[in-house]
Amino acid sequence: MEQLIGRILHNYYNPINKLRRLALACMVISSILSTIGFYFHQGYAYAYKKDYDRVIADFNQAIKLDPNFADAYIGRGYAYVYKKDYDRAIAEFNQAIKLDPNFVDAYIGRGYA
C-alpha cells in the first residue's frame, strides 16, 4: 500500500506530469477561445451579408461561451440597430459598458442606437 501511495504521489508531483497537465489545460483553453473567436468572426461575416438573425445567433453562442466578452454584446447591439430594434440594441451596449466601462465603442454604439 505504501508503494502504491508513493507511486501516486511521485506521479502527481513529478514535474513532467505537471507539464503535461499544464499543456492539456492550455490546449483546452485554446480550444475554447478559438471557438469563441469562430463565432465572433462568423457573426461579423454574416453582418456583411446583412443576415442579422445569424449575426445575433453567432454572438449568442460567443456570449454563451464567455458571458464577459464585451465585443460580442457590441456586435449583437449593432445587429439589433440594423433590425431597428433600438431598445434591445441599447440594452446590449449597456451590457458591454457594464462589463468594460472604458470601452469607447460601446458608448458610440449606444449613441448611435
C-alpha atoms as a PDB file:
ATOM      1  CA  MET A   1       0.000   0.000   0.000  1.00  0.00           C
ATOM      2  CA  GLU A   2       2.817   2.408   0.849  1.00  0.00           C
ATOM      3  CA  GLN A   3       4.403   1.708  -2.535  1.00  0.00           C
ATOM      4  CA  LEU A   4       1.144   2.484  -4.304  1.00  0.00           C
ATOM      5  CA  ILE A   5       0.749   5.762  -2.417  1.00  0.00           C
ATOM      6  CA  GLY A   6       4.391   6.553  -3.140  1.00  0.00           C
ATOM      7  CA  ARG A   7       3.876   5.987  -6.889  1.00  0.00           C
ATOM      8  CA  ILE A   8       0.720   8.078  -6.907  1.00  0.00           C
ATOM      9  CA  LEU A   9       2.455  10.930  -5.120  1.00  0.00           C
ATOM     10  CA  HIS A  10       5.510  10.603  -7.364  1.00  0.00           C
ATOM     11  CA  ASN A  11       3.345  10.739 -10.490  1.00  0.00           C
ATOM     12  CA  TYR A  12       1.325  13.647  -9.160  1.00  0.00           C
ATOM     13  CA  TYR A  13       4.293  15.756  -8.110  1.00  0.00           C
ATOM     14  CA  ASN A  14       6.553  14.704 -10.964  1.00  0.00           C
ATOM     15  CA  PRO A  15       7.467  17.896 -12.882  1.00  0.00           C
ATOM     16  CA  ILE A  16       6.930  16.199 -16.246  1.00  0.00           C
ATOM     17  CA  ASN A  17       3.395  15.208 -15.279  1.00  0.00           C
ATOM     18  CA  LYS A  18       2.770  18.767 -14.101  1.00  0.00           C
ATOM     19  CA  LEU A  19       3.904  20.000 -17.512  1.00  0.00           C
ATOM     20  CA  ARG A  20       1.609  17.509 -19.217  1.00  0.00           C
ATOM     21  CA  ARG A  21      -1.353  18.684 -17.129  1.00  0.00           C
ATOM     22  CA  LEU A  22      -0.452  22.306 -17.863  1.00  0.00           C
ATOM     23  CA  ALA A  23      -0.161  21.586 -21.594  1.00  0.00           C
ATOM     24  CA  LEU A  24      -3.540  19.861 -21.567  1.00  0.00           C
ATOM     25  CA  ALA A  25      -5.109  22.801 -19.724  1.00  0.00           C
ATOM     26  CA  CYS A  26      -3.603  25.201 -22.275  1.00  0.00           C
ATOM     27  CA  MET A  27      -4.980  23.128 -25.144  1.00  0.00           C
ATOM     28  CA  VAL A  28      -8.455  23.155 -23.611  1.00  0.00           C
ATOM     29  CA  ILE A  29      -8.339  26.920 -23.036  1.00  0.00           C
ATOM     30  CA  SER A  30      -7.045  27.493 -26.558  1.00  0.00           C
ATOM     31  CA  SER A  31      -9.838  25.363 -27.975  1.00  0.00           C
ATOM     32  CA  ILE A  32     -12.472  27.312 -26.061  1.00  0.00           C
ATOM     33  CA  LEU A  33     -11.022  30.660 -27.082  1.00  0.00           C
ATOM     34  CA  SER A  34     -10.763  29.665 -30.714  1.00  0.00           C
ATOM     35  CA  THR A  35     -14.418  28.583 -30.637  1.00  0.00           C
ATOM     36  CA  ILE A  36     -15.421  31.966 -29.214  1.00  0.00           C
ATOM     37  CA  GLY A  37     -13.335  33.604 -31.924  1.00  0.00           C
ATOM     38  CA  PHE A  38     -15.003  31.463 -34.563  1.00  0.00           C
ATOM     39  CA  TYR A  39     -18.497  32.577 -33.569  1.00  0.00           C
ATOM     40  CA  PHE A  40     -17.351  36.175 -33.191  1.00  0.00           C
ATOM     41  CA  HIS A  41     -15.766  36.379 -36.653  1.00  0.00           C
ATOM     42  CA  GLN A  42     -18.512  34.386 -38.305  1.00  0.00           C
ATOM     43  CA  GLY A  43     -21.025  36.813 -36.792  1.00  0.00           C
ATOM     44  CA  TYR A  44     -19.265  39.699 -38.497  1.00  0.00           C
ATOM     45  CA  ALA A  45     -19.152  37.755 -41.750  1.00  0.00           C
ATOM     46  CA  TYR A  46     -22.937  37.406 -41.604  1.00  0.00           C
ATOM     47  CA  ALA A  47     -23.176  41.128 -40.892  1.00  0.00           C
ATOM     48  CA  TYR A  48     -21.522  41.828 -44.253  1.00  0.00           C
ATOM     49  CA  LYS A  49     -24.211  39.664 -45.825  1.00  0.00           C
ATOM     50  CA  LYS A  50     -26.858  41.600 -43.848  1.00  0.00           C
ATOM     51  CA  ASP A  51     -28.112  38.368 -42.295  1.00  0.00           C
ATOM     52  CA  TYR A  52     -28.728  39.906 -38.879  1.00  0.00           C
ATOM     53  CA  ASP A  53     -30.581  36.930 -37.414  1.00  0.00           C
ATOM     54  CA  ARG A  54     -27.486  34.795 -37.968  1.00  0.00           C
ATOM     55  CA  VAL A  55     -25.303  37.576 -36.593  1.00  0.00           C
ATOM     56  CA  ILE A  56     -27.330  37.522 -33.390  1.00  0.00           C
ATOM     57  CA  ALA A  57     -27.254  33.719 -33.239  1.00  0.00           C
ATOM     58  CA  ASP A  58     -23.454  33.623 -33.541  1.00  0.00           C
ATOM     59  CA  PHE A  59     -22.936  36.338 -30.956  1.00  0.00           C
ATOM     60  CA  ASN A  60     -25.357  34.473 -28.690  1.00  0.00           C
ATOM     61  CA  GLN A  61     -23.064  31.449 -28.938  1.00  0.00           C
ATOM     62  CA  ALA A  62     -19.955  33.536 -28.224  1.00  0.00           C
ATOM     63  CA  ILE A  63     -21.652  35.074 -25.181  1.00  0.00           C
ATOM     64  CA  LYS A  64     -22.807  31.650 -24.018  1.00  0.00           C
ATOM     65  CA  LEU A  65     -19.155  30.534 -24.043  1.00  0.00           C
ATOM     66  CA  ASP A  66     -17.907  33.739 -22.402  1.00  0.00           C
ATOM     67  CA  PRO A  67     -20.566  35.958 -20.800  1.00  0.00           C
ATOM     68  CA  ASN A  68     -17.904  38.632 -20.172  1.00  0.00           C
ATOM     69  CA  PHE A  69     -16.996  39.060 -23.856  1.00  0.00           C
ATOM     70  CA  ALA A  70     -17.990  42.719 -24.311  1.00  0.00           C
ATOM     71  CA  ASP A  71     -17.207  42.731 -28.056  1.00  0.00           C
ATOM     72  CA  ALA A  72     -19.964  40.180 -28.669  1.00  0.00           C
ATOM     73  CA  TYR A  73     -22.520  42.402 -26.942  1.00  0.00           C
ATOM     74  CA  ILE A  74     -21.460  45.282 -29.168  1.00  0.00           C
ATOM     75  CA  GLY A  75     -21.780  43.135 -32.288  1.00  0.00           C
ATOM     76  CA  ARG A  76     -25.176  41.937 -31.200  1.00  0.00           C
ATOM     77  CA  GLY A  77     -26.138  45.533 -30.399  1.00  0.00           C
ATOM     78  CA  TYR A  78     -25.351  46.658 -33.933  1.00  0.00           C
ATOM     79  CA  ALA A  79     -27.334  43.747 -35.347  1.00  0.00           C
ATOM     80  CA  TYR A  80     -30.335  44.973 -33.363  1.00  0.00           C
ATOM     81  CA  VAL A  81     -29.724  48.514 -34.631  1.00  0.00           C
ATOM     82  CA  TYR A  82     -29.876  47.277 -38.228  1.00  0.00           C
ATOM     83  CA  LYS A  83     -33.057  45.385 -37.385  1.00  0.00           C
ATOM     84  CA  LYS A  84     -34.430  48.667 -35.961  1.00  0.00           C
ATOM     85  CA  ASP A  85     -34.857  47.092 -32.522  1.00  0.00           C
ATOM     86  CA  TYR A  86     -33.309  50.041 -30.735  1.00  0.00           C
ATOM     87  CA  ASP A  87     -34.353  49.134 -27.188  1.00  0.00           C
ATOM     88  CA  ARG A  88     -32.596  45.770 -27.427  1.00  0.00           C
ATOM     89  CA  ALA A  89     -29.596  47.429 -29.075  1.00  0.00           C
ATOM     90  CA  ILE A  90     -29.268  49.903 -26.208  1.00  0.00           C
ATOM     91  CA  ALA A  91     -29.528  47.041 -23.704  1.00  0.00           C
ATOM     92  CA  GLU A  92     -26.653  45.247 -25.484  1.00  0.00           C
ATOM     93  CA  PHE A  93     -24.448  48.339 -25.478  1.00  0.00           C
ATOM     94  CA  ASN A  94     -25.277  48.932 -21.810  1.00  0.00           C
ATOM     95  CA  GLN A  95     -24.164  45.381 -21.002  1.00  0.00           C
ATOM     96  CA  ALA A  96     -20.879  45.960 -22.830  1.00  0.00           C
ATOM     97  CA  ILE A  97     -20.386  49.165 -20.810  1.00  0.00           C
ATOM     98  CA  LYS A  98     -21.181  47.307 -17.601  1.00  0.00           C
ATOM     99  CA  LEU A  99     -18.504  44.731 -18.467  1.00  0.00           C
ATOM    100  CA  ASP A 100     -15.939  47.327 -19.545  1.00  0.00           C
ATOM    101  CA  PRO A 101     -16.729  50.940 -18.581  1.00  0.00           C
ATOM    102  CA  ASN A 102     -13.764  52.162 -20.659  1.00  0.00           C
ATOM    103  CA  PHE A 103     -14.911  50.512 -23.900  1.00  0.00           C
ATOM    104  CA  VAL A 104     -15.475  53.554 -26.112  1.00  0.00           C
ATOM    105  CA  ASP A 105     -17.120  51.544 -28.911  1.00  0.00           C
ATOM    106  CA  ALA A 106     -19.962  50.620 -26.560  1.00  0.00           C
ATOM    107  CA  TYR A 107     -20.732  54.283 -25.873  1.00  0.00           C
ATOM    108  CA  ILE A 108     -20.582  55.084 -29.588  1.00  0.00           C
ATOM    109  CA  GLY A 109     -22.955  52.212 -30.359  1.00  0.00           C
ATOM    110  CA  ARG A 110     -25.364  53.271 -27.651  1.00  0.00           C
ATOM    111  CA  GLY A 111     -25.360  56.833 -29.003  1.00  0.00           C
ATOM    112  CA  TYR A 112     -25.969  55.530 -32.492  1.00  0.00           C
ATOM    113  CA  ALA A 113     -28.935  53.455 -31.308  1.00  0.00           C
END
